């Protein structure tokens, strides 16, 4: 489904050069749950954003179903992200002026998905909170809202950037059980984390350290 071949990325700040990724190559098949583990600064988030088409690598190829995503037109690139990808971030990125339900609706293709929204709100124990604003939610409730928004339109791939980083153990287990259900229903998961415990949920795991695979 996704293949990375010799991906490298450097950042420059003044005269300093930081190597975020160096010659990264691996494959992720349809239905895989791939954990990307490593310490802070290892290049995990950069790798995720490269896969998501948000950061252009300096060299190398990212292929989705045989097509280099960085050779797509702007319209095709937007369609790749909109149709095939769901993003879940550590900082949630919920719109503070929108309710839980309205935040989820942002990711819907049309206005005919109310039944699906209600289903996921119930599944994630958020039905009674659907008219609340992010400022009225706990951290775990915010992350579950972000999870529904990421998968509401049934993307092929869920890209998750440290989704349990701000959660306690109980909320981490709740969230990971939801992600595991998405995966068991055929969704592909690529999750980056500094927590090696995340690897127990995955069928494939890679470790990054200083921009290199170990």
C-alpha atoms as a PDB file:
ATOM      1  CA  UNK A   1       0.000   0.000   0.000  1.00  0.00           C
ATOM      2  CA  UNK A   2       2.707   2.487   1.078  1.00  0.00           C
ATOM      3  CA  UNK A   3       6.369   2.187   0.260  1.00  0.00           C
ATOM      4  CA  UNK A   4       9.142   4.515   1.377  1.00  0.00           C
ATOM      5  CA  UNK A   5      12.395   4.349  -0.562  1.00  0.00           C
ATOM      6  CA  UNK A   6      15.540   6.181   0.596  1.00  0.00           C
ATOM      7  CA  UNK A   7      13.675   9.054   2.257  1.00  0.00           C
ATOM      8  CA  UNK A   8      15.916  11.809   3.611  1.00  0.00           C
ATOM      9  CA  UNK A   9      15.053  15.175   5.115  1.00  0.00           C
ATOM     10  CA  UNK A  10      17.225  17.912   6.616  1.00  0.00           C
ATOM     11  CA  UNK A  11      16.299  21.175   8.293  1.00  0.00           C
ATOM     12  CA  UNK A  12      18.485  24.271   8.245  1.00  0.00           C
ATOM     13  CA  UNK A  13      18.570  26.998  10.868  1.00  0.00           C
ATOM     14  CA  UNK A  14      21.209  29.585  10.167  1.00  0.00           C
ATOM     15  CA  UNK A  15      24.440  27.683   9.680  1.00  0.00           C
ATOM     16  CA  UNK A  16      23.180  24.624  11.532  1.00  0.00           C
ATOM     17  CA  UNK A  17      21.860  21.569   9.698  1.00  0.00           C
ATOM     18  CA  UNK A  18      19.689  18.972  11.450  1.00  0.00           C
ATOM     19  CA  UNK A  19      19.152  15.588   9.809  1.00  0.00           C
ATOM     20  CA  UNK A  20      15.594  14.514  10.589  1.00  0.00           C
ATOM     21  CA  UNK A  21      15.535  11.454   8.297  1.00  0.00           C
ATOM     22  CA  UNK A  22      18.365   9.572   6.594  1.00  0.00           C
ATOM     23  CA  UNK A  23      17.771   6.924   3.889  1.00  0.00           C
ATOM     24  CA  UNK A  24      14.551   5.550   5.342  1.00  0.00           C
ATOM     25  CA  UNK A  25      13.071   2.590   3.457  1.00  0.00           C
ATOM     26  CA  UNK A  26      10.228   0.248   4.451  1.00  0.00           C
ATOM     27  CA  UNK A  27       6.800  -0.959   3.324  1.00  0.00           C
ATOM     28  CA  UNK A  28       3.393  -0.877   4.954  1.00  0.00           C
ATOM     29  CA  UNK A  29       0.712  -3.224   3.655  1.00  0.00           C
ATOM     30  CA  UNK A  30      -3.043  -2.768   3.641  1.00  0.00           C
ATOM     31  CA  UNK A  31      -4.445  -3.567   7.076  1.00  0.00           C
ATOM     32  CA  UNK A  32      -1.086  -3.281   8.834  1.00  0.00           C
ATOM     33  CA  UNK A  33      -0.730  -1.610  12.214  1.00  0.00           C
ATOM     34  CA  UNK A  34       2.758  -0.097  12.106  1.00  0.00           C
ATOM     35  CA  UNK A  35       4.246   1.521  15.198  1.00  0.00           C
ATOM     36  CA  UNK A  36       7.162   3.917  14.767  1.00  0.00           C
ATOM     37  CA  UNK A  37       9.014   4.106  18.084  1.00  0.00           C
ATOM     38  CA  UNK A  38      11.855   6.377  19.127  1.00  0.00           C
ATOM     39  CA  UNK A  39      12.928   9.148  21.518  1.00  0.00           C
ATOM     40  CA  UNK A  40      12.033  12.809  21.102  1.00  0.00           C
ATOM     41  CA  UNK A  41      13.882  14.309  18.154  1.00  0.00           C
ATOM     42  CA  UNK A  42      14.285  10.948  16.411  1.00  0.00           C
ATOM     43  CA  UNK A  43      12.401  12.129  13.297  1.00  0.00           C
ATOM     44  CA  UNK A  44       9.123  10.307  13.972  1.00  0.00           C
ATOM     45  CA  UNK A  45       6.767  13.219  13.320  1.00  0.00           C
ATOM     46  CA  UNK A  46       8.692  14.266  10.215  1.00  0.00           C
ATOM     47  CA  UNK A  47       8.333  10.726   8.893  1.00  0.00           C
ATOM     48  CA  UNK A  48       4.577  10.781   9.519  1.00  0.00           C
ATOM     49  CA  UNK A  49       4.141  14.146   7.797  1.00  0.00           C
ATOM     50  CA  UNK A  50       6.214  12.970   4.825  1.00  0.00           C
ATOM     51  CA  UNK A  51       3.884   9.982   4.452  1.00  0.00           C
ATOM     52  CA  UNK A  52       0.927  12.340   4.750  1.00  0.00           C
ATOM     53  CA  UNK A  53       2.189  14.616   2.004  1.00  0.00           C
ATOM     54  CA  UNK A  54       2.618  17.540   4.410  1.00  0.00           C
ATOM     55  CA  UNK A  55       6.421  17.764   4.351  1.00  0.00           C
ATOM     56  CA  UNK A  56       8.333  17.252   1.107  1.00  0.00           C
ATOM     57  CA  UNK A  57      11.427  15.054   1.563  1.00  0.00           C
ATOM     58  CA  UNK A  58      14.761  16.248   0.192  1.00  0.00           C
ATOM     59  CA  UNK A  59      15.190  12.938  -1.614  1.00  0.00           C
ATOM     60  CA  UNK A  60      13.532   9.569  -1.957  1.00  0.00           C
ATOM     61  CA  UNK A  61      10.105   8.313  -2.976  1.00  0.00           C
ATOM     62  CA  UNK A  62       6.845   7.832  -1.081  1.00  0.00           C
ATOM     63  CA  UNK A  63       4.501   5.600  -3.074  1.00  0.00           C
ATOM     64  CA  UNK A  64       0.831   5.017  -2.343  1.00  0.00           C
ATOM     65  CA  UNK A  65      -0.628   2.157  -4.363  1.00  0.00           C
ATOM     66  CA  UNK A  66       2.271   2.473  -6.807  1.00  0.00           C
ATOM     67  CA  UNK A  67       2.104   6.255  -7.315  1.00  0.00           C
ATOM     68  CA  UNK A  68       4.712   8.710  -6.029  1.00  0.00           C
ATOM     69  CA  UNK A  69       2.628  11.107  -3.924  1.00  0.00           C
ATOM     70  CA  UNK A  70       5.108  13.928  -4.593  1.00  0.00           C
ATOM     71  CA  UNK A  71       4.495  13.683  -8.339  1.00  0.00           C
ATOM     72  CA  UNK A  72       0.766  14.321  -7.899  1.00  0.00           C
ATOM     73  CA  UNK A  73      -0.858  17.560  -9.008  1.00  0.00           C
ATOM     74  CA  UNK A  74      -2.075  19.882  -6.211  1.00  0.00           C
ATOM     75  CA  UNK A  75      -5.639  18.665  -6.798  1.00  0.00           C
ATOM     76  CA  UNK A  76      -4.555  15.010  -6.709  1.00  0.00           C
ATOM     77  CA  UNK A  77      -2.482  15.652  -3.585  1.00  0.00           C
ATOM     78  CA  UNK A  78      -5.485  17.177  -1.812  1.00  0.00           C
ATOM     79  CA  UNK A  79      -7.593  14.203  -2.863  1.00  0.00           C
ATOM     80  CA  UNK A  80      -4.944  11.810  -1.528  1.00  0.00           C
ATOM     81  CA  UNK A  81      -5.101  13.443   1.895  1.00  0.00           C
ATOM     82  CA  UNK A  82      -8.878  13.924   1.919  1.00  0.00           C
ATOM     83  CA  UNK A  83      -9.935  10.517   0.608  1.00  0.00           C
ATOM     84  CA  UNK A  84      -7.256   8.155   1.860  1.00  0.00           C
ATOM     85  CA  UNK A  85      -5.855   9.665   5.076  1.00  0.00           C
ATOM     86  CA  UNK A  86      -7.119  10.453   8.545  1.00  0.00           C
ATOM     87  CA  UNK A  87      -4.860  12.495  10.838  1.00  0.00           C
ATOM     88  CA  UNK A  88      -4.781  12.331  14.640  1.00  0.00           C
ATOM     89  CA  UNK A  89      -2.418  14.673  16.462  1.00  0.00           C
ATOM     90  CA  UNK A  90      -1.127  14.867  20.020  1.00  0.00           C
ATOM     91  CA  UNK A  91      -2.443  18.427  20.359  1.00  0.00           C
ATOM     92  CA  UNK A  92      -5.873  17.459  18.940  1.00  0.00           C
ATOM     93  CA  UNK A  93      -6.265  20.547  16.661  1.00  0.00           C
ATOM     94  CA  UNK A  94      -9.950  20.890  17.518  1.00  0.00           C
ATOM     95  CA  UNK A  95     -11.635  24.157  16.532  1.00  0.00           C
ATOM     96  CA  UNK A  96     -12.372  25.895  19.878  1.00  0.00           C
ATOM     97  CA  UNK A  97     -15.450  27.723  18.563  1.00  0.00           C
ATOM     98  CA  UNK A  98     -17.098  24.484  17.365  1.00  0.00           C
ATOM     99  CA  UNK A  99     -18.852  21.814  19.412  1.00  0.00           C
ATOM    100  CA  UNK A 100     -17.772  18.170  19.514  1.00  0.00           C
ATOM    101  CA  UNK A 101     -20.303  17.284  16.833  1.00  0.00           C
ATOM    102  CA  UNK A 102     -19.373  20.272  14.652  1.00  0.00           C
ATOM    103  CA  UNK A 103     -15.667  19.430  14.882  1.00  0.00           C
ATOM    104  CA  UNK A 104     -16.405  15.911  13.672  1.00  0.00           C
ATOM    105  CA  UNK A 105     -18.656  17.190  10.900  1.00  0.00           C
ATOM    106  CA  UNK A 106     -15.715  19.164   9.473  1.00  0.00           C
ATOM    107  CA  UNK A 107     -14.266  15.886   8.187  1.00  0.00           C
ATOM    108  CA  UNK A 108     -17.499  14.642   6.606  1.00  0.00           C
ATOM    109  CA  UNK A 109     -17.908  14.642   2.841  1.00  0.00           C
ATOM    110  CA  UNK A 110     -21.590  15.579   2.999  1.00  0.00           C
ATOM    111  CA  UNK A 111     -24.482  16.225   5.394  1.00  0.00           C
ATOM    112  CA  UNK A 112     -25.793  12.658   5.170  1.00  0.00           C
ATOM    113  CA  UNK A 113     -23.503  11.136   7.779  1.00  0.00           C
ATOM    114  CA  UNK A 114     -25.496  11.972  10.922  1.00  0.00           C
ATOM    115  CA  UNK A 115     -26.235   8.326  11.659  1.00  0.00           C
ATOM    116  CA  UNK A 116     -22.540   7.487  11.461  1.00  0.00           C
ATOM    117  CA  UNK A 117     -21.627  10.440  13.713  1.00  0.00           C
ATOM    118  CA  UNK A 118     -24.168   9.294  16.308  1.00  0.00           C
ATOM    119  CA  UNK A 119     -22.795   5.758  16.116  1.00  0.00           C
ATOM    120  CA  UNK A 120     -19.218   6.829  16.819  1.00  0.00           C
ATOM    121  CA  UNK A 121     -20.248   9.297  19.521  1.00  0.00           C
ATOM    122  CA  UNK A 122     -21.934   6.413  21.310  1.00  0.00           C
ATOM    123  CA  UNK A 123     -19.027   4.057  20.736  1.00  0.00           C
ATOM    124  CA  UNK A 124     -16.596   6.614  22.168  1.00  0.00           C
ATOM    125  CA  UNK A 125     -18.822   7.608  25.132  1.00  0.00           C
ATOM    126  CA  UNK A 126     -19.270  11.139  23.805  1.00  0.00           C
ATOM    127  CA  UNK A 127     -22.971  11.236  22.914  1.00  0.00           C
ATOM    128  CA  UNK A 128     -23.913  13.298  25.959  1.00  0.00           C
ATOM    129  CA  UNK A 129     -21.055  15.714  25.207  1.00  0.00           C
ATOM    130  CA  UNK A 130     -21.769  16.357  21.517  1.00  0.00           C
ATOM    131  CA  UNK A 131     -22.890  19.955  22.155  1.00  0.00           C
ATOM    132  CA  UNK A 132     -19.939  20.777  24.400  1.00  0.00           C
ATOM    133  CA  UNK A 133     -16.970  22.875  23.278  1.00  0.00           C
ATOM    134  CA  UNK A 134     -13.350  21.666  23.499  1.00  0.00           C
ATOM    135  CA  UNK A 135     -12.705  23.889  26.527  1.00  0.00           C
ATOM    136  CA  UNK A 136     -15.381  21.914  28.388  1.00  0.00           C
ATOM    137  CA  UNK A 137     -13.817  18.514  27.679  1.00  0.00           C
ATOM    138  CA  UNK A 138     -11.218  16.447  29.485  1.00  0.00           C
ATOM    139  CA  UNK A 139      -8.000  15.569  27.667  1.00  0.00           C
ATOM    140  CA  UNK A 140      -9.247  12.049  26.977  1.00  0.00           C
ATOM    141  CA  UNK A 141     -12.564  13.369  25.608  1.00  0.00           C
ATOM    142  CA  UNK A 142     -10.711  15.740  23.298  1.00  0.00           C
ATOM    143  CA  UNK A 143      -8.568  12.925  21.931  1.00  0.00           C
ATOM    144  CA  UNK A 144     -11.577  10.661  21.368  1.00  0.00           C
ATOM    145  CA  UNK A 145     -13.252  13.519  19.493  1.00  0.00           C
ATOM    146  CA  UNK A 146     -10.123  13.890  17.367  1.00  0.00           C
ATOM    147  CA  UNK A 147     -10.159  10.141  16.726  1.00  0.00           C
ATOM    148  CA  UNK A 148     -13.750  10.194  15.434  1.00  0.00           C
ATOM    149  CA  UNK A 149     -12.951  13.178  13.222  1.00  0.00           C
ATOM    150  CA  UNK A 150      -9.968  11.294  11.789  1.00  0.00           C
ATOM    151  CA  UNK A 151     -11.887   8.135  10.864  1.00  0.00           C
ATOM    152  CA  UNK A 152     -15.455   9.369  10.264  1.00  0.00           C
ATOM    153  CA  UNK A 153     -15.111   9.257   6.478  1.00  0.00           C
ATOM    154  CA  UNK A 154     -13.504   5.791   6.553  1.00  0.00           C
ATOM    155  CA  UNK A 155     -10.000   6.675   5.331  1.00  0.00           C
ATOM    156  CA  UNK A 156      -7.727   3.873   4.221  1.00  0.00           C
ATOM    157  CA  UNK A 157      -4.965   4.997   6.579  1.00  0.00           C
ATOM    158  CA  UNK A 158      -4.931   6.530  10.056  1.00  0.00           C
ATOM    159  CA  UNK A 159      -1.803   8.606  10.739  1.00  0.00           C
ATOM    160  CA  UNK A 160      -1.443   9.122  14.488  1.00  0.00           C
ATOM    161  CA  UNK A 161       1.218  11.402  15.979  1.00  0.00           C
ATOM    162  CA  UNK A 162       1.818  10.636  19.682  1.00  0.00           C
ATOM    163  CA  UNK A 163      -1.946  10.249  20.287  1.00  0.00           C
ATOM    164  CA  UNK A 164      -1.482   8.952  23.836  1.00  0.00           C
ATOM    165  CA  UNK A 165       1.241  11.438  24.779  1.00  0.00           C
ATOM    166  CA  UNK A 166      -1.099  13.590  26.900  1.00  0.00           C
ATOM    167  CA  UNK A 167      -3.261  10.759  28.247  1.00  0.00           C
ATOM    168  CA  UNK A 168      -3.153   8.811  31.483  1.00  0.00           C
ATOM    169  CA  UNK A 169      -3.024   5.021  31.384  1.00  0.00           C
ATOM    170  CA  UNK A 170      -6.789   4.525  31.506  1.00  0.00           C
ATOM    171  CA  UNK A 171      -7.509   6.962  28.672  1.00  0.00           C
ATOM    172  CA  UNK A 172      -4.591   5.572  26.664  1.00  0.00           C
ATOM    173  CA  UNK A 173      -6.107   2.092  26.874  1.00  0.00           C
ATOM    174  CA  UNK A 174      -9.523   3.424  25.818  1.00  0.00           C
ATOM    175  CA  UNK A 175      -8.078   5.226  22.823  1.00  0.00           C
ATOM    176  CA  UNK A 176      -5.886   2.322  21.752  1.00  0.00           C
ATOM    177  CA  UNK A 177      -8.832  -0.071  21.932  1.00  0.00           C
ATOM    178  CA  UNK A 178     -10.721   2.227  19.532  1.00  0.00           C
ATOM    179  CA  UNK A 179      -7.747   2.401  17.174  1.00  0.00           C
ATOM    180  CA  UNK A 180      -7.428  -1.374  17.309  1.00  0.00           C
ATOM    181  CA  UNK A 181     -11.088  -1.775  16.292  1.00  0.00           C
ATOM    182  CA  UNK A 182     -10.527   0.559  13.325  1.00  0.00           C
ATOM    183  CA  UNK A 183      -7.545  -1.612  12.367  1.00  0.00           C
ATOM    184  CA  UNK A 184      -9.491  -4.876  12.801  1.00  0.00           C
ATOM    185  CA  UNK A 185     -12.131  -3.534  10.403  1.00  0.00           C
ATOM    186  CA  UNK A 186      -9.508  -3.175   7.664  1.00  0.00           C
ATOM    187  CA  UNK A 187      -7.988   0.242   8.364  1.00  0.00           C
ATOM    188  CA  UNK A 188      -4.238   0.707   8.114  1.00  0.00           C
ATOM    189  CA  UNK A 189      -2.597   2.437  11.083  1.00  0.00           C
ATOM    190  CA  UNK A 190       0.745   4.231  11.217  1.00  0.00           C
ATOM    191  CA  UNK A 191       1.357   5.495  14.735  1.00  0.00           C
ATOM    192  CA  UNK A 192       4.431   7.254  16.062  1.00  0.00           C
ATOM    193  CA  UNK A 193       5.237   7.296  19.755  1.00  0.00           C
ATOM    194  CA  UNK A 194       8.100   7.543  22.219  1.00  0.00           C
ATOM    195  CA  UNK A 195       6.311   4.876  24.299  1.00  0.00           C
ATOM    196  CA  UNK A 196       7.534   1.345  23.438  1.00  0.00           C
ATOM    197  CA  UNK A 197       4.307  -0.060  24.948  1.00  0.00           C
ATOM    198  CA  UNK A 198       2.486   1.070  21.798  1.00  0.00           C
ATOM    199  CA  UNK A 199       4.335  -1.621  19.845  1.00  0.00           C
ATOM    200  CA  UNK A 200       2.273  -4.342  21.544  1.00  0.00           C
ATOM    201  CA  UNK A 201      -0.789  -3.188  19.605  1.00  0.00           C
ATOM    202  CA  UNK A 202       1.018  -3.371  16.253  1.00  0.00           C
ATOM    203  CA  UNK A 203       1.814  -6.216  13.885  1.00  0.00           C
ATOM    204  CA  UNK A 204       4.774  -4.266  12.504  1.00  0.00           C
ATOM    205  CA  UNK A 205       7.206  -2.014  14.322  1.00  0.00           C
ATOM    206  CA  UNK A 206      10.141   0.163  13.312  1.00  0.00           C
ATOM    207  CA  UNK A 207      12.488   2.111  15.566  1.00  0.00           C
ATOM    208  CA  UNK A 208      13.913   5.509  14.668  1.00  0.00           C
ATOM    209  CA  UNK A 209      16.925   7.075  16.340  1.00  0.00           C
ATOM    210  CA  UNK A 210      18.557  10.272  15.124  1.00  0.00           C
ATOM    211  CA  UNK A 211      16.765   9.984  11.808  1.00  0.00           C
ATOM    212  CA  UNK A 212      17.854   6.424  11.051  1.00  0.00           C
ATOM    213  CA  UNK A 213      16.135   3.076  11.269  1.00  0.00           C
ATOM    214  CA  UNK A 214      17.566   0.750  13.879  1.00  0.00           C
END
